Amino acid sequence: MTPIDREEAARKAAGELLKPEYAKESLVDQIYRRIMQFLGDLIDAATGGGTAGGVIASVVIVLILLGMISLIAWQLRRTARKKALAVGGLFGERSRTAAEHRQAAEGLAAQGRWTEAVQERLRAIARDLEERALVDGMPGRTAHELATEAAVSLPAFAEELAAAARSFDDVTYGDVPGTRDAYETMSTLDDRLRQARPAPLATPALAGPPRAGGVG
């Protein structure tokens, strides 16, 4: 049987791929097949292209493999960050200012999209507190964590902050539809918090009772 050279093999492979069953091949499968074919060609060159050709092909193969590993690792990290932000977090990937969240909330409210409006208004509250350094800028923070930390600096708002966190959780995770009343309550709280000042730090009491003065 006469051996088939590379050109003849390529023609036969091209003819094979023109068959109807390959027309339904997915894009992922096509990319995988082409990458494997390319790597196969490089391996052939490394084993039959002489010393210099083999070294160059080997280096290229290593670089391609390293690139693929880096790409996979980057995608896994990106997916992990998305999941971490999605589970109970207040914010998405893009960082907005308090004013931007507030503007978005007002736009949603104007459209009657109360659920999203409530969410954006609490995000405006959270970002405003972060910008004023009343809470830390913690990634993945939950609404409950926000209320608990903000209550330390603003104890007079502790109950309202807790109620706002419950409202956010209800519309976000509890399938409770947002309402105009819920949004207006959140908006009023936002406006009042913007005017609020943190409670002063407690000063230590003077040690010991005052001494009684003598007569004479």
Protein backbone atom coordinates (compact mmCIF):
# COMPACT_ATOMS: atom_id res chain seq x y z
CA MET A 1 0.00 0.00 0.00
CA THR A 2 1.44 3.38 -1.07
CA PRO A 3 2.05 5.74 1.89
CA ILE A 4 -0.04 8.91 1.91
CA ASP A 5 1.96 12.12 2.09
CA ARG A 6 0.90 15.21 4.08
CA GLU A 7 -0.69 17.03 1.11
CA GLU A 8 -2.78 14.02 0.19
CA ALA A 9 -3.83 13.59 3.83
CA ALA A 10 -4.87 17.25 3.98
CA ARG A 11 -6.99 16.85 0.83
CA LYS A 12 -8.66 13.76 2.22
CA ALA A 13 -9.31 15.51 5.54
CA ALA A 14 -10.82 18.50 3.73
CA GLY A 15 -13.04 16.18 1.73
CA GLU A 16 -14.11 14.42 4.91
CA LEU A 17 -15.06 17.71 6.56
CA LEU A 18 -17.29 18.63 3.61
CA LYS A 19 -19.61 15.73 4.44
CA PRO A 20 -23.09 16.79 5.72
CA GLU A 21 -22.55 15.46 9.25
CA TYR A 22 -19.84 18.08 9.83
CA ALA A 23 -22.14 20.96 8.89
CA LYS A 24 -23.72 20.81 12.36
CA GLU A 25 -20.40 20.94 14.20
CA SER A 26 -20.53 23.50 17.01
CA LEU A 27 -18.18 26.45 17.15
CA VAL A 28 -16.52 25.06 20.27
CA ASP A 29 -15.88 21.74 18.53
CA GLN A 30 -14.47 23.52 15.49
CA ILE A 31 -12.08 25.58 17.63
CA TYR A 32 -11.01 22.49 19.58
CA ARG A 33 -10.43 20.50 16.39
CA ARG A 34 -8.40 23.28 14.78
CA ILE A 35 -6.26 23.78 17.89
CA MET A 36 -5.56 20.06 18.11
CA GLN A 37 -4.73 19.95 14.39
CA PHE A 38 -2.36 22.92 14.81
CA LEU A 39 -0.63 21.30 17.78
CA GLY A 40 -0.38 18.06 15.80
CA ASP A 41 1.33 19.92 12.98
CA LEU A 42 3.78 21.48 15.43
CA ILE A 43 4.55 18.10 16.97
CA ASP A 44 5.18 16.68 13.49
CA ALA A 45 7.56 19.57 12.82
CA ALA A 46 9.29 19.03 16.14
CA THR A 47 9.89 15.35 15.42
CA GLY A 48 10.78 15.62 11.74
CA GLY A 49 12.02 19.13 11.08
CA GLY A 50 15.60 18.81 12.28
CA THR A 51 17.20 20.08 15.48
CA ALA A 52 16.51 23.80 14.94
CA GLY A 53 12.96 23.25 13.76
CA GLY A 54 12.28 20.89 16.65
CA VAL A 55 13.51 23.38 19.25
CA ILE A 56 11.45 26.23 17.77
CA ALA A 57 8.33 24.10 17.54
CA SER A 58 8.79 22.87 21.11
CA VAL A 59 9.09 26.44 22.38
CA VAL A 60 5.95 27.47 20.49
CA ILE A 61 4.03 24.49 21.91
CA VAL A 62 5.08 25.37 25.45
CA LEU A 63 4.04 29.02 24.95
CA ILE A 64 0.66 27.99 23.58
CA LEU A 65 0.04 25.63 26.49
CA LEU A 66 1.04 28.33 28.99
CA GLY A 67 -1.28 30.79 27.27
CA MET A 68 -4.17 28.32 27.41
CA ILE A 69 -3.52 27.64 31.12
CA SER A 70 -3.41 31.38 31.85
CA LEU A 71 -6.66 31.94 29.95
CA ILE A 72 -8.41 29.15 31.84
CA ALA A 73 -7.14 30.43 35.19
CA TRP A 74 -8.27 33.98 34.37
CA GLN A 75 -11.75 32.74 33.40
CA LEU A 76 -12.04 30.71 36.61
CA ARG A 77 -11.05 33.74 38.73
CA ARG A 78 -13.54 35.93 36.87
CA THR A 79 -16.31 33.39 37.41
CA ALA A 80 -15.43 33.09 41.11
CA ARG A 81 -15.59 36.88 41.52
CA LYS A 82 -19.00 36.98 39.86
CA LYS A 83 -20.33 34.25 42.15
CA ALA A 84 -18.93 35.96 45.24
CA LEU A 85 -20.63 39.22 44.30
CA ALA A 86 -23.89 37.51 43.38
CA VAL A 87 -24.35 35.67 46.68
CA GLY A 88 -25.80 38.25 49.04
CA GLY A 89 -23.72 41.15 47.75
CA LEU A 90 -25.10 44.65 47.28
CA PHE A 91 -23.10 45.68 44.25
CA GLY A 92 -22.29 44.31 40.82
CA GLU A 93 -18.96 44.39 39.05
CA ARG A 94 -19.00 48.01 37.89
CA SER A 95 -18.40 50.52 40.65
CA ARG A 96 -20.83 53.46 40.74
CA THR A 97 -20.92 56.52 42.94
CA ALA A 98 -23.76 57.18 45.35
CA ALA A 99 -25.05 59.88 43.02
CA GLU A 100 -25.11 57.44 40.09
CA HIS A 101 -27.00 54.82 42.10
CA ARG A 102 -29.42 57.51 43.28
CA GLN A 103 -30.02 58.72 39.72
CA ALA A 104 -30.56 55.15 38.52
CA ALA A 105 -33.06 54.56 41.34
CA GLU A 106 -35.04 57.65 40.44
CA GLY A 107 -35.14 56.62 36.79
CA LEU A 108 -36.41 53.16 37.70
CA ALA A 109 -39.03 54.63 40.03
CA ALA A 110 -40.25 56.91 37.24
CA GLN A 111 -40.85 53.76 35.16
CA GLY A 112 -42.68 52.04 38.02
CA ARG A 113 -39.95 49.40 38.35
CA TRP A 114 -40.18 49.45 42.14
CA THR A 115 -38.18 46.29 42.88
CA GLU A 116 -35.10 47.54 41.04
CA ALA A 117 -35.65 51.06 42.37
CA VAL A 118 -35.56 49.81 45.97
CA GLN A 119 -32.37 47.87 45.25
CA GLU A 120 -30.63 50.86 43.67
CA ARG A 121 -31.68 53.20 46.48
CA LEU A 122 -30.14 50.97 49.13
CA ARG A 123 -27.00 50.76 46.99
CA ALA A 124 -26.98 54.56 46.97
CA ILE A 125 -27.18 54.53 50.78
CA ALA A 126 -24.36 51.99 51.02
CA ARG A 127 -22.08 53.88 48.63
CA ASP A 128 -22.81 57.21 50.32
CA LEU A 129 -21.82 55.76 53.70
CA GLU A 130 -18.63 54.37 52.15
CA GLU A 131 -17.78 57.71 50.51
CA ARG A 132 -18.20 59.42 53.88
CA ALA A 133 -16.02 56.75 55.56
CA LEU A 134 -18.83 55.79 57.91
CA VAL A 135 -18.50 52.15 56.79
CA ASP A 136 -15.63 50.26 55.17
CA GLY A 137 -15.69 49.54 51.44
CA MET A 138 -16.03 45.78 51.78
CA PRO A 139 -16.57 43.75 48.57
CA GLY A 140 -19.49 41.33 48.68
CA ARG A 141 -21.08 43.12 51.65
CA THR A 142 -24.65 42.06 52.42
CA ALA A 143 -27.45 44.45 53.29
CA HIS A 144 -27.53 43.08 56.85
CA GLU A 145 -23.78 43.65 57.25
CA LEU A 146 -24.19 47.20 55.99
CA ALA A 147 -26.96 47.95 58.48
CA THR A 148 -25.01 46.46 61.39
CA GLU A 149 -21.82 48.39 60.63
CA ALA A 150 -23.58 51.70 59.86
CA ALA A 151 -25.48 51.51 63.15
CA VAL A 152 -22.16 51.83 65.01
CA SER A 153 -21.59 55.33 63.62
CA LEU A 154 -25.28 56.22 63.36
CA PRO A 155 -26.99 54.49 66.30
CA ALA A 156 -30.13 56.62 66.02
CA PHE A 157 -30.80 54.99 62.61
CA ALA A 158 -30.16 51.39 63.69
CA GLU A 159 -33.79 50.23 63.43
CA GLU A 160 -34.43 52.00 60.14
CA LEU A 161 -31.22 50.63 58.62
CA ALA A 162 -32.20 47.10 59.68
CA ALA A 163 -35.64 47.59 58.15
CA ALA A 164 -34.08 48.87 54.92
CA ALA A 165 -31.82 45.80 54.78
CA ARG A 166 -34.84 43.51 55.22
CA SER A 167 -36.67 45.37 52.45
CA PHE A 168 -33.69 44.91 50.11
CA ASP A 169 -33.45 41.19 50.93
CA ASP A 170 -37.21 40.73 50.48
CA VAL A 171 -37.29 42.14 46.96
CA THR A 172 -33.94 40.61 45.96
CA TYR A 173 -34.10 37.10 47.41
CA GLY A 174 -37.60 36.66 48.84
CA ASP A 175 -39.65 37.16 45.66
CA VAL A 176 -41.47 40.06 47.32
CA PRO A 177 -42.35 42.70 44.71
CA GLY A 178 -41.17 46.22 45.36
CA THR A 179 -43.78 48.91 45.98
CA ARG A 180 -43.99 52.68 45.82
CA ASP A 181 -44.25 52.83 49.62
CA ALA A 182 -41.13 50.70 50.06
CA TYR A 183 -39.21 52.90 47.66
CA GLU A 184 -40.39 56.15 49.26
CA THR A 185 -39.42 54.83 52.70
CA MET A 186 -35.95 53.96 51.37
CA SER A 187 -35.63 57.36 49.68
CA THR A 188 -36.60 59.22 52.83
CA LEU A 189 -34.05 57.26 54.82
CA ASP A 190 -31.41 58.03 52.20
CA ASP A 191 -32.14 61.76 52.40
CA ARG A 192 -32.01 61.77 56.20
CA LEU A 193 -28.80 59.75 56.33
CA ARG A 194 -27.12 62.22 54.00
CA GLN A 195 -27.76 64.96 56.56
CA ALA A 196 -26.82 62.85 59.58
CA ARG A 197 -23.58 63.18 61.45
CA PRO A 198 -21.84 60.28 63.19
CA ALA A 199 -22.24 59.97 66.95
CA PRO A 200 -19.25 61.38 68.87
CA LEU A 201 -16.88 58.92 70.47
CA ALA A 202 -17.51 58.35 74.17
CA THR A 203 -14.96 60.06 76.41
CA PRO A 204 -13.66 58.10 79.42
CA ALA A 205 -14.97 59.24 82.81
CA LEU A 206 -12.54 60.85 85.24
CA ALA A 207 -11.08 58.31 87.66
CA GLY A 208 -12.36 58.43 91.25
CA PRO A 209 -15.02 60.59 92.93
CA PRO A 210 -14.22 64.22 93.81
CA ARG A 211 -12.65 64.70 97.20
CA ALA A 212 -14.66 66.50 99.89
CA GLY A 213 -13.34 69.92 100.76
CA GLY A 214 -12.26 70.64 104.37
CA VAL A 215 -13.72 73.31 106.61
CA GLY A 216 -11.54 76.02 108.01
